[in-house]
Amino acid sequence: MTDFFVAVKIDNIVVISVYMPTDYRDTVSEEKFVAAFSKLSNTVTGCVSRDIGCILMGDFNCDLSNSGSPRSQVFLTTCRDLHAIQNDSPFTYVHTSGFILKLPYTPLW
């Protein structure tokens, strides 16, 4: 368990639930975001190397419509490096106001 995610092993599968904070205001928060993704990547890589299945889910709090943002770059690079499977669902969340959140990746290993 870290400040940003918790991993639970059930039989031969690890389920990781992520919540990344929304603090974008300073360099320290961005460094924490990058460090958290590094720990997350290491956890998933460790599972895969031991032939343990891994399901990664949660709230990553990064705006993928702004692919130039540092958070989006870290998220997309991590998904690419971990060979995440792209989610074919049209959306992952719809707010009562009509706002639709689309997450293009559902990492499953």
Protein backbone atom coordinates (compact mmCIF):
# COMPACT_ATOMS: atom_id res chain seq x y z
CA MET A 1 0.00 0.00 0.00
CA THR A 2 1.18 3.51 -0.85
CA ASP A 3 -0.34 6.96 -0.57
CA PHE A 4 -1.78 6.52 -4.08
CA PHE A 5 -2.69 2.86 -4.53
CA VAL A 6 -3.44 -0.36 -2.74
CA ALA A 7 -2.76 -3.84 -4.12
CA VAL A 8 -4.60 -6.96 -2.99
CA LYS A 9 -3.68 -10.49 -4.07
CA ILE A 10 -6.57 -12.87 -4.61
CA ASP A 11 -5.41 -16.35 -5.65
CA ASN A 12 -3.14 -15.73 -8.65
CA ILE A 13 -4.37 -12.21 -9.48
CA VAL A 14 -3.37 -8.87 -8.00
CA VAL A 15 -6.02 -6.15 -8.05
CA ILE A 16 -4.62 -2.64 -7.81
CA SER A 17 -6.89 0.29 -6.98
CA VAL A 18 -5.44 3.73 -7.74
CA TYR A 19 -6.42 7.21 -6.62
CA MET A 20 -4.13 9.98 -7.77
CA PRO A 21 -4.64 13.36 -6.10
CA THR A 22 -5.77 16.30 -8.21
CA ASP A 23 -3.14 18.74 -6.94
CA TYR A 24 -1.51 20.24 -10.04
CA ARG A 25 -0.19 23.41 -8.48
CA ASP A 26 3.51 22.87 -7.98
CA THR A 27 6.58 20.90 -8.94
CA VAL A 28 6.45 18.82 -5.76
CA SER A 29 2.98 17.46 -6.60
CA GLU A 30 4.15 16.57 -10.12
CA GLU A 31 7.22 14.81 -8.69
CA LYS A 32 4.94 12.82 -6.35
CA PHE A 33 2.76 11.88 -9.33
CA VAL A 34 5.77 10.62 -11.30
CA ALA A 35 7.12 8.74 -8.25
CA ALA A 36 3.73 7.10 -7.67
CA PHE A 37 3.58 5.94 -11.30
CA SER A 38 7.10 4.55 -10.97
CA LYS A 39 6.04 2.50 -7.91
CA LEU A 40 2.90 1.42 -9.73
CA SER A 41 4.89 0.34 -12.78
CA ASN A 42 7.34 -1.60 -10.59
CA THR A 43 4.46 -3.36 -8.81
CA VAL A 44 2.82 -4.42 -12.09
CA THR A 45 6.15 -5.49 -13.60
CA GLY A 46 6.87 -7.57 -10.49
CA CYS A 47 3.51 -9.35 -10.81
CA VAL A 48 4.01 -10.05 -14.50
CA SER A 49 7.54 -11.38 -13.93
CA ARG A 50 6.12 -13.93 -11.46
CA ASP A 51 3.25 -14.93 -13.80
CA ILE A 52 0.68 -13.29 -11.55
CA GLY A 53 -2.28 -11.67 -13.31
CA CYS A 54 -2.82 -7.98 -12.64
CA ILE A 55 -5.89 -5.77 -12.88
CA LEU A 56 -5.24 -2.04 -12.57
CA MET A 57 -8.14 0.32 -12.02
CA GLY A 58 -9.01 3.55 -10.36
CA ASP A 59 -8.96 7.30 -10.72
CA PHE A 60 -5.73 8.53 -12.29
CA ASN A 61 -6.85 12.18 -12.39
CA CYS A 62 -5.17 13.10 -15.63
CA ASP A 63 -6.82 14.81 -18.56
CA LEU A 64 -6.02 12.69 -21.60
CA SER A 65 -7.57 15.26 -23.91
CA ASN A 66 -4.51 17.39 -23.11
CA SER A 67 -1.82 14.97 -24.30
CA GLY A 68 0.88 17.59 -23.77
CA SER A 69 0.36 17.80 -20.02
CA PRO A 70 3.04 16.18 -17.86
CA ARG A 71 0.47 13.92 -16.15
CA SER A 72 -0.96 12.71 -19.45
CA GLN A 73 2.53 12.01 -20.78
CA VAL A 74 3.45 9.97 -17.67
CA PHE A 75 0.15 8.06 -17.80
CA LEU A 76 0.33 7.28 -21.53
CA THR A 77 4.03 6.34 -21.38
CA THR A 78 3.41 4.00 -18.43
CA CYS A 79 0.46 2.34 -20.21
CA ARG A 80 2.57 1.90 -23.34
CA ASP A 81 5.54 0.50 -21.40
CA LEU A 82 3.30 -1.95 -19.55
CA HIS A 83 1.52 -3.01 -22.75
CA ALA A 84 -1.88 -1.98 -21.38
CA ILE A 85 -4.92 -3.20 -23.25
CA GLN A 86 -7.00 -0.42 -24.74
CA ASN A 87 -10.55 -0.12 -23.42
CA ASP A 88 -13.16 -0.33 -26.19
CA SER A 89 -15.96 1.09 -24.04
CA PRO A 90 -17.37 4.40 -25.27
CA PHE A 91 -17.00 5.91 -21.77
CA THR A 92 -16.10 5.01 -18.22
CA TYR A 93 -18.16 7.60 -16.33
CA VAL A 94 -21.11 9.86 -17.02
CA HIS A 95 -21.93 12.62 -14.55
CA THR A 96 -25.55 13.67 -14.00
CA SER A 97 -24.70 16.97 -15.71
CA GLY A 98 -23.96 15.01 -18.90
CA PHE A 99 -20.16 15.21 -18.61
CA ILE A 100 -18.63 12.04 -20.08
CA LEU A 101 -15.24 10.76 -18.99
CA LYS A 102 -13.46 8.57 -21.51
CA LEU A 103 -10.44 6.57 -20.42
CA PRO A 104 -8.76 4.89 -23.37
CA TYR A 105 -6.85 2.29 -21.38
CA THR A 106 -7.88 -0.48 -19.04
CA PRO A 107 -4.59 -2.09 -18.09
CA LEU A 108 -4.93 -5.85 -17.78
CA TRP A 109 -1.98 -8.18 -17.65
